[in-house]
Amino acid sequence: MAAAGLASEGRQPIFMLCLPKVAAMSKERTPIVFIKPFFLARADAAAFLAIGESTFEDLVARGEAPKPRKVSKGRTAWLVEELEAWGRERPLSDHLLPVNSGYGRRGAKRLPHQPQIEEQ
């Protein structure tokens, strides 16, 4: 999961076990195993939770999100398992589905908040 978050930002996960591509005989390596990180820095922790850094910082400051751990002198980071647990504890959303979510098309039920779409 965290590796996917890092890859979406154009960054590579820290730990990967790679094998060389035999057919191409190039120096390029193909990842075969991704190791889940233990700690995440602030930007990576926010991306992992799919929220912005400033929102994440506000939640931490208000005590609503996990506090960082001291990794070394002058360095803090968040435990991945604490972030996962916090994310699972979040309440279900009460937001209505968007109009273009598949409802209201032929044969599908229309939600009460959606206007009737007239076909042209």
C-alpha atoms as a PDB file:
ATOM      1  CA  MET A   1       0.000   0.000   0.000  1.00  0.00           C
ATOM      2  CA  ALA A   2       2.647   2.488   0.975  1.00  0.00           C
ATOM      3  CA  ALA A   3       4.704   1.585  -2.062  1.00  0.00           C
ATOM      4  CA  ALA A   4       1.756   2.523  -4.264  1.00  0.00           C
ATOM      5  CA  GLY A   5       1.497   5.911  -2.533  1.00  0.00           C
ATOM      6  CA  LEU A   6       5.172   6.613  -3.105  1.00  0.00           C
ATOM      7  CA  ALA A   7       5.023   5.502  -6.724  1.00  0.00           C
ATOM      8  CA  SER A   8       2.110   7.853  -7.442  1.00  0.00           C
ATOM      9  CA  GLU A   9       4.343  10.751  -6.414  1.00  0.00           C
ATOM     10  CA  GLY A  10       7.093   9.580  -8.766  1.00  0.00           C
ATOM     11  CA  ARG A  11       9.193   8.220  -5.883  1.00  0.00           C
ATOM     12  CA  GLN A  12      10.387   4.667  -5.465  1.00  0.00           C
ATOM     13  CA  PRO A  13       9.996   2.589  -2.287  1.00  0.00           C
ATOM     14  CA  ILE A  14      13.119   2.426  -0.140  1.00  0.00           C
ATOM     15  CA  PHE A  15      13.493  -1.352  -0.095  1.00  0.00           C
ATOM     16  CA  MET A  16      13.036  -3.546  -3.171  1.00  0.00           C
ATOM     17  CA  LEU A  17      14.439  -6.919  -4.100  1.00  0.00           C
ATOM     18  CA  CYS A  18      15.179  -6.813  -7.821  1.00  0.00           C
ATOM     19  CA  LEU A  19      16.337  -9.250 -10.465  1.00  0.00           C
ATOM     20  CA  PRO A  20      17.947  -8.179 -13.753  1.00  0.00           C
ATOM     21  CA  LYS A  21      15.879  -8.532 -16.920  1.00  0.00           C
ATOM     22  CA  VAL A  22      17.394 -11.613 -18.533  1.00  0.00           C
ATOM     23  CA  ALA A  23      15.815 -11.281 -21.988  1.00  0.00           C
ATOM     24  CA  ALA A  24      16.914  -7.702 -22.548  1.00  0.00           C
ATOM     25  CA  MET A  25      20.275  -8.204 -20.816  1.00  0.00           C
ATOM     26  CA  SER A  26      20.103  -4.576 -19.737  1.00  0.00           C
ATOM     27  CA  LYS A  27      21.145  -3.076 -16.431  1.00  0.00           C
ATOM     28  CA  GLU A  28      17.488  -2.327 -15.689  1.00  0.00           C
ATOM     29  CA  ARG A  29      16.054  -4.285 -12.774  1.00  0.00           C
ATOM     30  CA  THR A  30      12.522  -5.579 -12.321  1.00  0.00           C
ATOM     31  CA  PRO A  31      11.153  -5.481  -8.773  1.00  0.00           C
ATOM     32  CA  ILE A  32       9.892  -8.854  -7.563  1.00  0.00           C
ATOM     33  CA  VAL A  33       9.243  -8.114  -3.874  1.00  0.00           C
ATOM     34  CA  PHE A  34       8.186  -4.898  -2.178  1.00  0.00           C
ATOM     35  CA  ILE A  35       8.893  -4.588   1.532  1.00  0.00           C
ATOM     36  CA  LYS A  36       6.358  -2.523   3.444  1.00  0.00           C
ATOM     37  CA  PRO A  37       8.068   0.399   5.200  1.00  0.00           C
ATOM     38  CA  PHE A  38       8.035   0.549   8.996  1.00  0.00           C
ATOM     39  CA  PHE A  39       8.053   4.360   9.291  1.00  0.00           C
ATOM     40  CA  LEU A  40       6.827   7.126   6.977  1.00  0.00           C
ATOM     41  CA  ALA A  41       7.963  10.743   6.847  1.00  0.00           C
ATOM     42  CA  ARG A  42       5.322  13.503   7.114  1.00  0.00           C
ATOM     43  CA  ALA A  43       4.699  13.905   3.363  1.00  0.00           C
ATOM     44  CA  ASP A  44       4.545  10.135   2.812  1.00  0.00           C
ATOM     45  CA  ALA A  45       2.242   9.638   5.832  1.00  0.00           C
ATOM     46  CA  ALA A  46      -0.183  12.254   4.476  1.00  0.00           C
ATOM     47  CA  ALA A  47      -0.092  10.685   1.002  1.00  0.00           C
ATOM     48  CA  PHE A  48      -0.607   7.231   2.553  1.00  0.00           C
ATOM     49  CA  LEU A  49      -3.825   8.528   4.166  1.00  0.00           C
ATOM     50  CA  ALA A  50      -4.911  10.317   0.968  1.00  0.00           C
ATOM     51  CA  ILE A  51      -5.004  13.735   2.646  1.00  0.00           C
ATOM     52  CA  GLY A  52      -2.942  16.888   2.245  1.00  0.00           C
ATOM     53  CA  GLU A  53       0.094  17.614   4.394  1.00  0.00           C
ATOM     54  CA  SER A  54      -1.468  20.658   6.044  1.00  0.00           C
ATOM     55  CA  THR A  55      -4.637  18.693   6.884  1.00  0.00           C
ATOM     56  CA  PHE A  56      -2.498  15.896   8.309  1.00  0.00           C
ATOM     57  CA  GLU A  57      -0.479  18.380  10.398  1.00  0.00           C
ATOM     58  CA  ASP A  58      -3.710  19.937  11.731  1.00  0.00           C
ATOM     59  CA  LEU A  59      -5.116  16.528  12.690  1.00  0.00           C
ATOM     60  CA  VAL A  60      -1.878  15.610  14.501  1.00  0.00           C
ATOM     61  CA  ALA A  61      -1.755  18.993  16.289  1.00  0.00           C
ATOM     62  CA  ARG A  62      -5.368  18.564  17.494  1.00  0.00           C
ATOM     63  CA  GLY A  63      -4.613  15.020  18.683  1.00  0.00           C
ATOM     64  CA  GLU A  64      -7.017  13.455  16.169  1.00  0.00           C
ATOM     65  CA  ALA A  65      -4.295  11.580  14.236  1.00  0.00           C
ATOM     66  CA  PRO A  66      -1.374   9.480  15.522  1.00  0.00           C
ATOM     67  CA  LYS A  67       1.614  11.343  16.935  1.00  0.00           C
ATOM     68  CA  PRO A  68       5.028  10.854  15.314  1.00  0.00           C
ATOM     69  CA  ARG A  69       7.736   8.675  16.878  1.00  0.00           C
ATOM     70  CA  LYS A  70      11.336   9.707  17.506  1.00  0.00           C
ATOM     71  CA  VAL A  71      13.418   7.726  15.036  1.00  0.00           C
ATOM     72  CA  SER A  72      16.697   9.410  15.956  1.00  0.00           C
ATOM     73  CA  LYS A  73      17.918  12.743  17.274  1.00  0.00           C
ATOM     74  CA  GLY A  74      16.088  15.413  15.290  1.00  0.00           C
ATOM     75  CA  ARG A  75      14.139  12.903  13.184  1.00  0.00           C
ATOM     76  CA  THR A  76      10.510  11.882  13.629  1.00  0.00           C
ATOM     77  CA  ALA A  77       8.255   9.636  11.563  1.00  0.00           C
ATOM     78  CA  TRP A  78       4.933   7.819  11.779  1.00  0.00           C
ATOM     79  CA  LEU A  79       4.501   4.072  12.288  1.00  0.00           C
ATOM     80  CA  VAL A  80       2.706   2.591   9.286  1.00  0.00           C
ATOM     81  CA  GLU A  81       0.637   0.232  11.436  1.00  0.00           C
ATOM     82  CA  GLU A  82      -0.612   3.153  13.592  1.00  0.00           C
ATOM     83  CA  LEU A  83      -1.616   5.059  10.446  1.00  0.00           C
ATOM     84  CA  GLU A  84      -3.413   1.960   9.121  1.00  0.00           C
ATOM     85  CA  ALA A  85      -5.261   1.449  12.422  1.00  0.00           C
ATOM     86  CA  TRP A  86      -6.268   5.122  12.561  1.00  0.00           C
ATOM     87  CA  GLY A  87      -7.523   4.970   8.977  1.00  0.00           C
ATOM     88  CA  ARG A  88      -9.622   1.878   9.699  1.00  0.00           C
ATOM     89  CA  GLU A  89     -11.187   3.596  12.745  1.00  0.00           C
ATOM     90  CA  ARG A  90     -12.419   6.553  10.676  1.00  0.00           C
ATOM     91  CA  PRO A  91     -16.217   6.713  10.393  1.00  0.00           C
ATOM     92  CA  LEU A  92     -17.993   5.785   7.188  1.00  0.00           C
ATOM     93  CA  SER A  93     -18.744   8.688   4.883  1.00  0.00           C
ATOM     94  CA  ASP A  94     -22.247  10.141   4.767  1.00  0.00           C
ATOM     95  CA  HIS A  95     -21.548  11.979   1.502  1.00  0.00           C
ATOM     96  CA  LEU A  96     -24.012  11.301  -1.257  1.00  0.00           C
ATOM     97  CA  LEU A  97     -22.813   9.574  -4.403  1.00  0.00           C
ATOM     98  CA  PRO A  98     -22.102  11.903  -7.317  1.00  0.00           C
ATOM     99  CA  VAL A  99     -24.597  12.114 -10.158  1.00  0.00           C
ATOM    100  CA  ASN A 100     -22.166  10.435 -12.573  1.00  0.00           C
ATOM    101  CA  SER A 101     -21.648   7.364 -10.352  1.00  0.00           C
ATOM    102  CA  GLY A 102     -23.653   4.963 -12.519  1.00  0.00           C
ATOM    103  CA  TYR A 103     -27.063   5.498 -10.976  1.00  0.00           C
ATOM    104  CA  GLY A 104     -29.844   6.844 -13.170  1.00  0.00           C
ATOM    105  CA  ARG A 105     -28.776   5.064 -16.323  1.00  0.00           C
ATOM    106  CA  ARG A 106     -31.082   2.671 -18.112  1.00  0.00           C
ATOM    107  CA  GLY A 107     -32.371   0.037 -15.742  1.00  0.00           C
ATOM    108  CA  ALA A 108     -30.448   1.406 -12.752  1.00  0.00           C
ATOM    109  CA  LYS A 109     -32.166   3.025  -9.785  1.00  0.00           C
ATOM    110  CA  ARG A 110     -31.942   6.775  -9.459  1.00  0.00           C
ATOM    111  CA  LEU A 111     -31.015   8.157  -6.040  1.00  0.00           C
ATOM    112  CA  PRO A 112     -33.486  10.645  -4.514  1.00  0.00           C
ATOM    113  CA  HIS A 113     -31.082  13.615  -4.729  1.00  0.00           C
ATOM    114  CA  GLN A 114     -30.375  13.100  -8.426  1.00  0.00           C
ATOM    115  CA  PRO A 115     -32.376  14.975 -11.050  1.00  0.00           C
ATOM    116  CA  GLN A 116     -34.080  13.088 -13.844  1.00  0.00           C
ATOM    117  CA  ILE A 117     -31.744  13.024 -16.855  1.00  0.00           C
ATOM    118  CA  GLU A 118     -33.570  13.431 -20.121  1.00  0.00           C
ATOM    119  CA  GLU A 119     -32.182  11.524 -23.093  1.00  0.00           C
ATOM    120  CA  GLN A 120     -31.635  13.442 -26.322  1.00  0.00           C
END
